[in-house]
Amino acid sequence: MNWTDPHLERREANFQPLNPVRFLARENEAHPERTAVIWRDRSWTYGQFNTLAVRLAELMRGEGIVRGDVVSILSRNRPEMLAAHFSVPALGAVLNTINTRLDAEAIAYILRHADTKLLLVDEAVGAAAIEAAAEAGVAVIRLGDGAGQGETGELLSGEVDPDARLDERAIADEWQPVCLNYTSGTTGNPKGVVYHARGAFLNAMGNALSLGFGAGTRYLWTLPMFHCNGWAHTWAVTAAGGTHVCLDAVEPATILDLVADAGITHMSCAPVVLYMLLNHPKAAALKGTERRVSVATGGAAPTASLISQLDAIGFDLVHLYGLTESYGPASIGELADDMSDDDAVIKAEWLARQGVRHKTSGDIRIVDTETGIDQPCDGVSAGEILLRGNTLMAGYHKDPEATEAAFAGGWFHTGDIAVREPGGAMRITDRAKDVIISGGENISSLEVESVLHRHPAVMLAAVVAMPDEKWGETPCAFVELKPGGGVDAGELASFCRAHLAGFKVPRHFIFNELPKTATGKIQKFLLREQARGYGQ
């Protein structure tokens, strides 16, 4: 049988490029009266939100934005920030979301490197961005703090234009760039990660399926939308016809009030946010609730204590793994269907794993870093995580050498070290650059951190290498205590010795608030610099 006959080839009638703009266009057609966005004391239906997005696109077109241009936005989680994820690609342009905590110099670098043509700025957090735009010669549109304010205030009016339509055909090729996201730049200038339309569409659909988004979803935006486009949830929640509940800032009291009163079903955040919530007095009011909230988190493995405390206030954890280069989630670790009543210790052991591939991810390998051979599923043999599939970046903007290195051998090299458990689930043991080599022995910083997080007085811990004349490197622990947590270095060292081999116990403990990114990720590169200073 010849399946390559010309009459079976792809044609315009049976093929369209995958395109995340269609998610909003479809919901506007199907459910224009359904609530799409809640922000402060206001709400927008899908019909109103579609009108907002169309008018934002028209405003940018009036500023001369055309296909291929880069539009940057620096904003809190607000309606225009969400709308830009549809308005910009509907012009055939590329959206660049910028971290609100960057200084003017870092923002100026991104604007120049991205060749930004237009910058949308949330005035409440955008002083540095406005300064950077002036330096880079980039035009600015200011987002006011409410209806009638700034240059976009009229967009928030809530008016519905039944004839307003986003241009779904602006994305003519699913390999067309739709977003440009910059890495954290912990080892120099950040890299610009180019997202294609195909990956954005598929990762969003994978999120909706994996996390159970639907028409009844009320997704609380505790995760910054500028971080990997909010792990692609900007598109995923819209695709499911759910409601986006936008937050100006991560404030525990506000979050807990919304969970209690606004019917929140899902949220995503770093572990530090969860500890902030648990340590707030309002958390006690949620104990014993029958309402459940699905909470997706990444980073350090959740402890039994954390899982138990979250369970008591109705939070169910899902452990994700991913990178900027994978549009956010690449794998998902969640409890088995029959584990809801299991002990917290058993749940913690299960959720310590990053699980299996995301529903629309491709393949995941764990290979020996020396031989490139796949490691066995024994829970012990560590290797680098390699990824391949539809939800990986097109490459690094203006950096062909780094792109080729990242995709060497036909796989994306993550730089993360993991093992496979019997059954195939993945458990990350460290970043390659975070492994501490002491006296020739490898020490996983994550393993030591996991033990420290089990101490009842510890809120957060980060372990890095400190130079040592005898051993080469030794573990140095930076510890942030819970409010009222009274513990000293000697007690923590004894606690570690009870759970770790002696050479893995930190030789130094430094107590202070840990430096974090806007998404709550601990900035280990700053801690490494401090540790090098202490070790000299």
Protein backbone atom coordinates (compact mmCIF):
# COMPACT_ATOMS: atom_id res chain seq x y z
CA MET A 1 0.00 0.00 0.00
CA ASN A 2 1.39 3.38 -1.01
CA TRP A 3 0.54 5.97 1.62
CA THR A 4 2.63 8.68 -0.06
CA ASP A 5 0.28 9.35 -2.96
CA PRO A 6 0.04 13.08 -3.78
CA HIS A 7 -3.68 13.16 -3.09
CA LEU A 8 -2.97 12.32 0.58
CA GLU A 9 -0.59 15.22 1.09
CA ARG A 10 -1.31 18.01 3.54
CA ARG A 11 -3.43 20.80 2.14
CA GLU A 12 -4.96 24.05 3.36
CA ALA A 13 -8.36 22.46 3.93
CA ASN A 14 -7.08 19.84 6.39
CA PHE A 15 -4.16 21.56 8.11
CA GLN A 16 -3.84 24.70 10.20
CA PRO A 17 -0.84 25.68 12.33
CA LEU A 18 -1.28 25.18 16.07
CA ASN A 19 -1.92 28.61 17.49
CA PRO A 20 -2.60 29.76 21.11
CA VAL A 21 -4.50 32.84 19.91
CA ARG A 22 -7.36 30.50 18.99
CA PHE A 23 -7.99 29.69 22.65
CA LEU A 24 -9.39 33.15 23.39
CA ALA A 25 -11.12 33.46 20.03
CA ARG A 26 -12.94 30.19 20.64
CA GLU A 27 -14.09 31.07 24.18
CA ASN A 28 -15.36 34.43 22.94
CA GLU A 29 -17.49 32.59 20.39
CA ALA A 30 -18.66 29.79 22.67
CA HIS A 31 -19.01 31.43 26.10
CA PRO A 32 -18.91 35.24 25.84
CA GLU A 33 -20.88 35.62 29.11
CA ARG A 34 -18.62 33.33 31.16
CA THR A 35 -16.28 35.07 33.62
CA ALA A 36 -12.77 35.20 32.16
CA VAL A 37 -10.86 37.51 34.51
CA ILE A 38 -11.19 38.79 38.06
CA TRP A 39 -8.88 41.60 39.23
CA ARG A 40 -9.31 43.48 42.48
CA ASP A 41 -13.04 44.25 42.74
CA ARG A 42 -13.77 43.91 39.03
CA SER A 43 -14.47 41.10 36.59
CA TRP A 44 -14.53 40.66 32.82
CA THR A 45 -16.51 38.15 30.79
CA TYR A 46 -14.88 36.40 27.86
CA GLY A 47 -16.69 38.81 25.57
CA GLN A 48 -15.30 41.79 27.47
CA PHE A 49 -11.82 40.31 27.73
CA ASN A 50 -11.75 39.56 24.00
CA THR A 51 -12.67 43.18 23.31
CA LEU A 52 -9.86 44.30 25.62
CA ALA A 53 -7.37 42.07 23.79
CA VAL A 54 -8.48 43.26 20.34
CA ARG A 55 -8.23 46.91 21.33
CA LEU A 56 -4.81 46.36 22.86
CA ALA A 57 -3.72 44.86 19.53
CA GLU A 58 -5.15 47.87 17.70
CA LEU A 59 -3.28 50.23 20.04
CA MET A 60 0.00 48.44 19.31
CA ARG A 61 -0.68 48.41 15.58
CA GLY A 62 -1.17 52.16 15.81
CA GLU A 63 2.33 52.37 17.27
CA GLY A 64 3.68 50.70 14.13
CA ILE A 65 3.98 47.11 15.38
CA VAL A 66 4.11 44.61 12.51
CA ARG A 67 4.90 40.92 12.00
CA GLY A 68 8.20 39.88 13.56
CA ASP A 69 8.54 42.89 15.88
CA VAL A 70 9.25 42.32 19.55
CA VAL A 71 6.86 43.87 22.08
CA SER A 72 8.13 43.83 25.66
CA ILE A 73 5.94 44.15 28.73
CA LEU A 74 6.89 44.73 32.35
CA SER A 75 3.82 44.34 34.52
CA ARG A 76 2.23 42.75 37.51
CA ASN A 77 -0.42 40.07 36.98
CA ARG A 78 -3.19 42.28 35.61
CA PRO A 79 -5.70 42.05 32.73
CA GLU A 80 -3.52 43.80 30.13
CA MET A 81 -0.59 41.52 30.95
CA LEU A 82 -2.83 38.50 30.33
CA ALA A 83 -4.34 40.05 27.20
CA ALA A 84 -0.88 40.68 25.73
CA HIS A 85 -0.41 36.90 25.47
CA PHE A 86 -3.10 36.96 22.79
CA SER A 87 -2.85 40.50 21.38
CA VAL A 88 0.85 40.39 20.50
CA PRO A 89 0.87 37.06 18.59
CA ALA A 90 -2.38 38.13 16.90
CA LEU A 91 -0.25 40.81 15.23
CA GLY A 92 2.35 38.24 14.20
CA ALA A 93 4.66 39.91 16.71
CA VAL A 94 6.75 38.36 19.51
CA LEU A 95 5.93 38.89 23.20
CA ASN A 96 8.79 39.47 25.65
CA THR A 97 7.72 39.48 29.32
CA ILE A 98 10.24 41.08 31.70
CA ASN A 99 10.85 40.34 35.38
CA THR A 100 9.48 43.24 37.44
CA ARG A 101 12.36 43.01 39.93
CA LEU A 102 15.17 43.69 37.47
CA ASP A 103 17.16 46.92 37.66
CA ALA A 104 17.36 49.47 34.85
CA GLU A 105 20.68 48.12 33.54
CA ALA A 106 19.36 44.54 33.24
CA ILE A 107 16.14 45.73 31.59
CA ALA A 108 18.09 47.88 29.13
CA TYR A 109 20.20 44.86 28.18
CA ILE A 110 17.07 42.82 27.41
CA LEU A 111 15.48 45.63 25.39
CA ARG A 112 18.63 46.03 23.28
CA HIS A 113 19.29 42.32 22.86
CA ALA A 114 15.65 41.63 21.93
CA ASP A 115 15.53 44.62 19.53
CA THR A 116 12.33 45.66 21.28
CA LYS A 117 10.14 48.02 19.25
CA LEU A 118 7.58 48.83 21.97
CA LEU A 119 7.46 48.50 25.75
CA LEU A 120 4.24 48.24 27.78
CA VAL A 121 4.89 49.33 31.37
CA ASP A 122 2.84 48.95 34.53
CA GLU A 123 3.49 52.36 36.10
CA ALA A 124 3.29 51.02 39.66
CA VAL A 125 6.40 48.84 39.17
CA GLY A 126 7.93 50.32 36.04
CA ALA A 127 10.18 53.24 37.00
CA ALA A 128 13.34 51.28 36.14
CA ALA A 129 11.80 50.07 32.88
CA ILE A 130 10.85 53.58 31.78
CA GLU A 131 14.43 54.68 32.49
CA ALA A 132 15.79 51.69 30.55
CA ALA A 133 13.48 52.33 27.59
CA ALA A 134 14.67 55.92 27.36
CA GLU A 135 18.27 54.71 27.33
CA ALA A 136 17.52 52.10 24.65
CA GLY A 137 15.38 54.44 22.55
CA VAL A 138 12.26 52.27 22.85
CA ALA A 139 8.72 53.69 22.66
CA VAL A 140 6.61 53.23 25.82
CA ILE A 141 2.91 52.69 26.50
CA ARG A 142 2.03 53.18 30.17
CA LEU A 143 -0.49 50.94 31.89
CA GLY A 144 -2.37 52.97 34.47
CA ASP A 145 -3.47 51.63 37.82
CA GLY A 146 -7.14 51.42 36.89
CA ALA A 147 -9.84 52.40 34.40
CA GLY A 148 -9.28 55.85 32.96
CA GLN A 149 -5.62 55.95 33.99
CA GLY A 150 -2.46 55.63 31.91
CA GLU A 151 -2.56 55.27 28.14
CA THR A 152 -4.61 52.06 28.30
CA GLY A 153 -7.20 52.99 30.92
CA GLU A 154 -10.07 52.88 28.44
CA LEU A 155 -9.22 49.25 27.64
CA LEU A 156 -10.43 48.28 31.11
CA SER A 157 -13.90 49.77 30.59
CA GLY A 158 -15.55 46.37 30.28
CA GLU A 159 -17.25 47.27 27.02
CA VAL A 160 -18.17 44.44 24.64
CA ASP A 161 -17.71 44.83 20.90
CA PRO A 162 -19.44 41.79 19.34
CA ASP A 163 -17.53 42.40 16.10
CA ALA A 164 -14.09 42.44 17.73
CA ARG A 165 -11.94 39.62 16.38
CA LEU A 166 -8.33 38.69 16.98
CA ASP A 167 -6.44 37.83 13.80
CA GLU A 168 -5.95 34.08 14.19
CA ARG A 169 -4.26 33.85 10.80
CA ALA A 170 -1.40 36.15 11.85
CA ILE A 171 0.40 32.96 12.87
CA ALA A 172 0.89 31.41 9.45
CA ASP A 173 3.51 28.88 10.53
CA GLU A 174 3.41 26.97 13.81
CA TRP A 175 7.21 27.32 14.03
CA GLN A 176 6.71 31.09 14.05
CA PRO A 177 8.14 32.73 17.21
CA VAL A 178 5.45 33.94 19.62
CA CYS A 179 7.45 34.66 22.79
CA LEU A 180 10.97 35.57 23.85
CA ASN A 181 11.76 34.79 27.49
CA TYR A 182 15.06 35.52 29.20
CA THR A 183 16.74 33.16 31.63
CA SER A 184 17.80 34.33 35.08
CA GLY A 185 21.34 35.08 33.92
CA THR A 186 23.06 33.60 36.96
CA THR A 187 26.34 33.06 35.08
CA GLY A 188 26.49 36.21 32.97
CA ASN A 189 24.02 37.93 30.70
CA PRO A 190 20.68 36.12 30.38
CA LYS A 191 19.89 34.06 27.30
CA GLY A 192 16.84 34.85 25.18
CA VAL A 193 14.72 31.71 24.82
CA VAL A 194 12.56 31.67 21.68
CA TYR A 195 9.13 29.98 21.96
CA HIS A 196 7.31 28.82 18.84
CA ALA A 197 3.53 28.71 18.43
CA ARG A 198 3.43 24.91 18.30
CA GLY A 199 5.13 24.54 21.67
CA ALA A 200 2.97 27.21 23.31
CA PHE A 201 -0.22 25.52 22.10
CA LEU A 202 0.83 22.00 23.10
CA ASN A 203 2.26 22.92 26.50
CA ALA A 204 -0.93 24.81 27.32
CA MET A 205 -3.05 21.81 26.36
CA GLY A 206 -0.79 19.54 28.38
CA ASN A 207 -1.20 21.78 31.42
CA ALA A 208 -4.97 21.82 31.09
CA LEU A 209 -5.09 18.02 30.86
CA SER A 210 -2.45 17.26 33.49
CA LEU A 211 -3.73 19.70 36.11
CA GLY A 212 -7.43 19.23 35.47
CA PHE A 213 -8.36 22.71 34.25
CA GLY A 214 -11.96 23.08 33.11
CA ALA A 215 -14.88 25.48 32.89
CA GLY A 216 -15.15 25.54 36.68
CA THR A 217 -11.47 26.37 37.22
CA ARG A 218 -10.65 29.48 39.20
CA TYR A 219 -6.91 29.88 38.81
CA LEU A 220 -5.22 32.20 41.31
CA TRP A 221 -2.24 34.01 39.80
CA THR A 222 0.32 33.63 42.57
CA LEU A 223 2.90 32.79 39.88
CA PRO A 224 4.19 35.79 37.89
CA MET A 225 2.95 35.80 34.32
CA PHE A 226 6.40 37.01 33.27
CA HIS A 227 7.89 33.67 34.37
CA CYS A 228 7.74 31.34 31.32
CA ASN A 229 4.46 33.06 30.44
CA GLY A 230 3.12 31.81 33.75
CA TRP A 231 4.18 28.22 32.85
CA ALA A 232 1.89 28.62 29.80
CA HIS A 233 -1.14 28.83 32.13
CA THR A 234 -2.00 32.17 30.50
CA TRP A 235 -3.12 30.08 27.54
CA ALA A 236 -4.06 26.87 29.39
CA VAL A 237 -6.71 28.34 31.69
CA THR A 238 -8.19 30.22 28.73
CA ALA A 239 -8.23 27.06 26.60
CA ALA A 240 -10.24 25.35 29.33
CA GLY A 241 -12.69 28.24 29.62
CA GLY A 242 -11.69 28.85 33.23
CA THR A 243 -11.38 32.06 35.22
CA HIS A 244 -8.12 33.92 35.80
CA VAL A 245 -7.98 35.53 39.25
CA CYS A 246 -5.23 38.14 38.96
CA LEU A 247 -3.09 39.34 41.86
CA ASP A 248 -1.04 42.53 42.07
CA ALA A 249 1.35 40.98 44.59
CA VAL A 250 1.96 37.83 46.60
CA GLU A 251 0.45 38.80 49.94
CA PRO A 252 -0.43 35.85 52.24
CA ALA A 253 -3.50 37.52 53.78
CA THR A 254 -4.99 38.32 50.36
CA ILE A 255 -4.27 34.84 49.01
CA LEU A 256 -5.83 33.11 52.02
CA ASP A 257 -8.90 35.36 51.83
CA LEU A 258 -9.37 34.51 48.15
CA VAL A 259 -8.94 30.80 48.79
CA ALA A 260 -11.59 31.00 51.51
CA ASP A 261 -14.09 33.24 49.72
CA ALA A 262 -13.51 33.23 45.94
CA GLY A 263 -13.77 29.53 45.12
CA ILE A 264 -10.13 29.15 44.08
CA THR A 265 -9.47 25.70 42.61
CA HIS A 266 -5.86 25.94 41.36
CA MET A 267 -2.69 27.92 41.94
CA SER A 268 1.04 27.59 41.27
CA CYS A 269 3.94 28.86 43.34
CA ALA A 270 7.42 28.25 44.69
CA PRO A 271 7.76 26.46 48.06
CA VAL A 272 8.61 29.75 49.78
CA VAL A 273 5.08 31.03 49.10
CA LEU A 274 3.59 27.93 50.72
CA TYR A 275 5.63 28.50 53.86
CA MET A 276 4.51 32.14 53.90
CA LEU A 277 0.87 31.03 53.76
CA LEU A 278 1.24 28.42 56.49
CA ASN A 279 2.94 30.90 58.82
CA HIS A 280 0.18 33.49 58.45
CA PRO A 281 -2.50 33.63 61.20
CA LYS A 282 -5.33 33.40 58.65
CA ALA A 283 -4.25 29.89 57.64
CA ALA A 284 -5.80 28.53 60.83
CA ALA A 285 -9.28 29.48 59.60
CA LEU A 286 -8.95 27.07 56.67
CA LYS A 287 -8.28 23.99 58.79
CA GLY A 288 -10.89 21.28 58.44
CA THR A 289 -12.28 22.69 55.20
CA GLU A 290 -13.84 20.32 52.68
CA ARG A 291 -12.76 22.54 49.78
CA ARG A 292 -9.61 21.39 47.99
CA VAL A 293 -7.11 23.50 46.05
CA SER A 294 -4.63 21.93 43.63
CA VAL A 295 -1.24 23.58 44.14
CA ALA A 296 1.51 23.06 41.56
CA THR A 297 5.02 23.70 42.82
CA GLY A 298 8.58 23.15 41.71
CA GLY A 299 12.01 23.26 43.28
CA ALA A 300 12.85 21.45 46.51
CA ALA A 301 11.02 18.23 47.30
CA PRO A 302 8.11 18.84 49.72
CA THR A 303 8.65 17.48 53.22
CA ALA A 304 6.20 15.32 55.17
CA SER A 305 5.63 18.25 57.53
CA LEU A 306 4.80 20.60 54.65
CA ILE A 307 2.42 18.10 53.03
CA SER A 308 0.66 17.44 56.34
CA GLN A 309 0.19 21.15 57.08
CA LEU A 310 -1.04 21.89 53.56
CA ASP A 311 -3.43 18.94 53.65
CA ALA A 312 -4.95 20.35 56.84
CA ILE A 313 -5.92 23.60 55.05
CA GLY A 314 -7.18 21.84 51.91
CA PHE A 315 -4.15 22.12 49.62
CA ASP A 316 -3.17 19.16 47.40
CA LEU A 317 0.38 19.33 46.07
CA VAL A 318 1.53 18.52 42.55
CA HIS A 319 5.31 18.50 41.97
CA LEU A 320 6.42 19.80 38.57
CA TYR A 321 9.77 19.98 36.84
CA GLY A 322 10.75 22.14 33.92
CA LEU A 323 12.90 24.95 32.60
CA THR A 324 12.48 28.19 30.71
CA GLU A 325 13.59 26.23 27.64
CA SER A 326 10.68 23.76 28.04
CA TYR A 327 7.91 26.39 28.36
CA GLY A 328 7.70 25.52 32.06
CA PRO A 329 6.45 22.02 33.02
CA ALA A 330 8.17 19.06 31.35
CA SER A 331 7.26 16.42 33.93
CA ILE A 332 4.68 15.99 36.65
CA GLY A 333 4.72 14.15 39.96
CA GLU A 334 1.38 13.60 41.66
CA LEU A 335 -0.13 11.19 44.13
CA ALA A 336 -1.62 7.95 42.86
CA ASP A 337 -5.41 7.76 42.90
CA ASP A 338 -5.50 5.55 45.99
CA MET A 339 -3.08 7.61 48.12
CA SER A 340 -5.34 10.38 49.42
CA ASP A 341 -5.60 8.82 52.89
CA ASP A 342 -1.98 7.69 53.16
CA ASP A 343 0.36 8.97 55.84
CA ALA A 344 2.14 12.27 55.10
CA VAL A 345 5.53 10.55 55.20
CA ILE A 346 4.47 8.17 52.42
CA LYS A 347 3.06 11.07 50.41
CA ALA A 348 6.31 13.00 50.87
CA GLU A 349 8.37 10.10 49.57
CA TRP A 350 6.11 9.91 46.52
CA LEU A 351 6.02 13.67 45.86
CA ALA A 352 9.80 13.97 46.26
CA ARG A 353 9.87 12.65 42.71
CA GLN A 354 9.33 14.84 39.67
CA GLY A 355 7.35 11.95 38.25
CA VAL A 356 6.87 11.21 34.59
CA ARG A 357 6.65 13.21 31.41
CA HIS A 358 3.98 15.86 31.01
CA LYS A 359 1.05 14.79 28.82
CA THR A 360 2.27 16.69 25.76
CA SER A 361 6.00 16.44 26.42
CA GLY A 362 8.12 14.12 24.34
CA ASP A 363 10.85 11.84 25.64
CA ILE A 364 12.95 12.03 28.80
CA ARG A 365 16.25 10.21 29.24
CA ILE A 366 18.65 10.08 32.18
CA VAL A 367 22.15 9.32 30.92
CA ASP A 368 25.58 8.78 32.40
CA THR A 369 27.43 12.07 31.95
CA GLU A 370 30.62 10.28 30.87
CA THR A 371 29.32 7.52 28.59
CA GLY A 372 25.94 8.89 27.45
CA ILE A 373 24.37 5.51 28.25
CA ASP A 374 20.88 5.44 29.79
CA GLN A 375 20.89 4.81 33.52
CA PRO A 376 18.88 1.90 34.97
CA CYS A 377 15.66 2.38 36.95
CA ASP A 378 17.29 1.57 40.28
CA GLY A 379 16.77 4.83 42.19
CA VAL A 380 20.54 5.13 42.65
CA SER A 381 22.35 5.60 39.33
CA ALA A 382 22.42 9.33 38.64
CA GLY A 383 22.74 11.02 35.27
CA GLU A 384 21.85 14.13 33.31
CA ILE A 385 18.25 14.72 32.24
CA LEU A 386 17.86 14.97 28.47
CA LEU A 387 14.63 16.12 26.81
CA ARG A 388 13.21 15.82 23.31
CA GLY A 389 9.77 16.82 22.06
CA ASN A 390 7.38 19.46 20.81
CA THR A 391 7.49 21.66 23.90
CA LEU A 392 11.12 22.71 23.69
CA MET A 393 12.37 26.11 22.57
CA ALA A 394 13.35 26.88 19.00
CA GLY A 395 16.72 28.07 20.31
CA TYR A 396 18.56 30.95 21.96
CA HIS A 397 18.08 34.37 20.34
CA LYS A 398 21.25 35.53 18.54
CA ASP A 399 23.27 32.67 20.06
CA PRO A 400 23.74 29.79 17.59
CA GLU A 401 26.70 28.35 19.51
CA ALA A 402 24.75 27.99 22.76
CA THR A 403 21.80 26.57 20.84
CA GLU A 404 23.92 23.89 19.18
CA ALA A 405 25.54 22.99 22.50
CA ALA A 406 22.16 22.71 24.23
CA PHE A 407 20.81 20.39 21.51
CA ALA A 408 23.99 18.33 21.07
CA GLY A 409 23.31 14.78 19.92
CA GLY A 410 19.68 15.46 19.06
CA TRP A 411 18.57 16.00 22.67
CA PHE A 412 18.19 19.05 24.90
CA HIS A 413 20.73 18.96 27.73
CA THR A 414 19.17 20.33 30.93
CA GLY A 415 22.20 20.29 33.22
CA ASP A 416 20.02 18.69 35.90
CA ILE A 417 21.02 15.44 37.60
CA ALA A 418 18.43 12.78 38.45
CA VAL A 419 17.79 9.08 39.03
CA ARG A 420 14.96 6.86 37.83
CA GLU A 421 13.01 4.99 40.46
CA PRO A 422 11.82 1.43 39.83
CA GLY A 423 8.76 1.93 37.64
CA GLY A 424 10.35 4.82 35.75
CA ALA A 425 9.51 7.93 37.78
CA MET A 426 12.22 10.59 37.84
CA ARG A 427 13.73 12.10 40.99
CA ILE A 428 16.10 15.04 40.67
CA THR A 429 19.16 14.86 42.90
CA ASP A 430 20.84 18.14 41.92
CA ARG A 431 21.80 20.68 39.34
CA ALA A 432 25.11 19.67 37.79
CA LYS A 433 26.60 22.97 38.91
CA ASP A 434 25.28 22.48 42.47
CA VAL A 435 27.00 19.16 43.15
CA ILE A 436 29.58 19.59 45.93
CA ILE A 437 32.79 17.56 45.53
CA SER A 438 34.38 17.03 48.94
CA GLY A 439 37.47 14.85 49.19
CA GLY A 440 36.56 13.27 45.86
CA GLU A 441 33.03 12.38 47.00
CA ASN A 442 29.95 13.89 45.34
CA ILE A 443 27.45 15.50 47.71
CA SER A 444 23.95 16.36 46.51
CA SER A 445 23.00 19.80 47.80
CA LEU A 446 19.34 18.83 47.40
CA GLU A 447 19.79 15.84 49.69
CA VAL A 448 21.25 18.02 52.45
CA GLU A 449 18.59 20.70 51.93
CA SER A 450 15.86 18.06 52.16
CA VAL A 451 17.12 17.03 55.60
CA LEU A 452 17.32 20.64 56.81
CA HIS A 453 13.77 21.31 55.62
CA ARG A 454 12.56 18.53 57.92
CA HIS A 455 13.68 20.46 61.00
CA PRO A 456 10.63 22.16 62.54
CA ALA A 457 12.40 25.53 62.97
CA VAL A 458 13.62 25.79 59.37
CA MET A 459 11.57 27.62 56.75
CA LEU A 460 14.09 27.51 53.90
CA ALA A 461 17.59 26.18 53.40
CA ALA A 462 20.11 26.33 50.59
CA VAL A 463 23.38 24.42 50.55
CA VAL A 464 26.35 25.42 48.39
CA ALA A 465 30.03 24.57 48.13
CA MET A 466 32.52 26.44 50.32
CA PRO A 467 36.23 26.27 49.37
CA ASP A 468 38.24 24.14 51.80
CA GLU A 469 42.02 23.79 51.86
CA LYS A 470 41.91 20.13 52.90
CA TRP A 471 38.78 18.74 51.21
CA GLY A 472 38.55 21.02 48.19
CA GLU A 473 34.93 21.85 48.99
CA THR A 474 32.63 21.36 51.96
CA PRO A 475 28.88 22.00 52.33
CA CYS A 476 27.85 25.43 53.58
CA ALA A 477 24.20 25.84 54.65
CA PHE A 478 22.32 29.12 54.44
CA VAL A 479 19.21 28.89 56.61
CA GLU A 480 16.10 31.06 56.92
CA LEU A 481 14.20 30.24 60.11
CA LYS A 482 10.47 30.32 60.69
CA PRO A 483 9.17 33.21 62.80
CA GLY A 484 10.08 32.42 66.38
CA GLY A 485 12.27 29.52 65.30
CA GLY A 486 15.06 29.15 67.84
CA VAL A 487 17.88 26.88 66.73
CA ASP A 488 21.65 27.23 66.48
CA ALA A 489 24.32 25.76 64.24
CA GLY A 490 25.22 23.02 66.69
CA GLU A 491 21.66 21.75 66.90
CA LEU A 492 21.24 21.74 63.12
CA ALA A 493 24.56 19.95 62.67
CA SER A 494 23.45 17.27 65.14
CA PHE A 495 20.12 16.96 63.33
CA CYS A 496 21.95 16.48 60.01
CA ARG A 497 24.33 13.90 61.47
CA ALA A 498 21.31 11.82 62.51
CA HIS A 499 20.15 11.64 58.88
CA LEU A 500 23.28 12.01 56.72
CA ALA A 501 26.72 10.54 56.29
CA GLY A 502 29.28 12.57 58.19
CA PHE A 503 30.99 14.05 55.14
CA LYS A 504 27.65 15.46 53.93
CA VAL A 505 26.96 17.46 57.11
CA PRO A 506 27.48 21.21 56.54
CA ARG A 507 30.60 22.58 58.21
CA HIS A 508 29.17 26.10 58.30
CA PHE A 509 25.65 27.42 58.97
CA ILE A 510 24.70 30.99 58.10
CA PHE A 511 21.35 32.30 59.36
CA ASN A 512 19.70 35.01 57.30
CA GLU A 513 16.84 35.69 54.91
CA LEU A 514 17.69 33.98 51.63
CA PRO A 515 17.90 36.00 48.39
CA LYS A 516 15.10 35.04 46.01
CA THR A 517 13.89 35.78 42.52
CA ALA A 518 10.43 37.22 41.88
CA THR A 519 9.15 33.65 41.50
CA GLY A 520 10.54 32.60 44.90
CA LYS A 521 13.52 30.66 43.54
CA ILE A 522 16.56 30.91 45.81
CA GLN A 523 19.42 32.75 44.09
CA LYS A 524 22.18 30.26 44.77
CA PHE A 525 24.73 32.13 42.68
CA LEU A 526 24.69 34.92 45.29
CA LEU A 527 25.11 32.38 48.08
CA ARG A 528 28.04 30.76 46.26
CA GLU A 529 29.76 34.15 46.13
CA GLN A 530 29.20 34.62 49.87
CA ALA A 531 30.47 31.12 50.62
CA ARG A 532 33.61 31.72 48.58
CA GLY A 533 34.24 34.81 50.68
CA TYR A 534 33.78 32.91 53.94
CA GLY A 535 36.05 30.12 52.73
CA GLN A 536 39.01 32.33 51.89
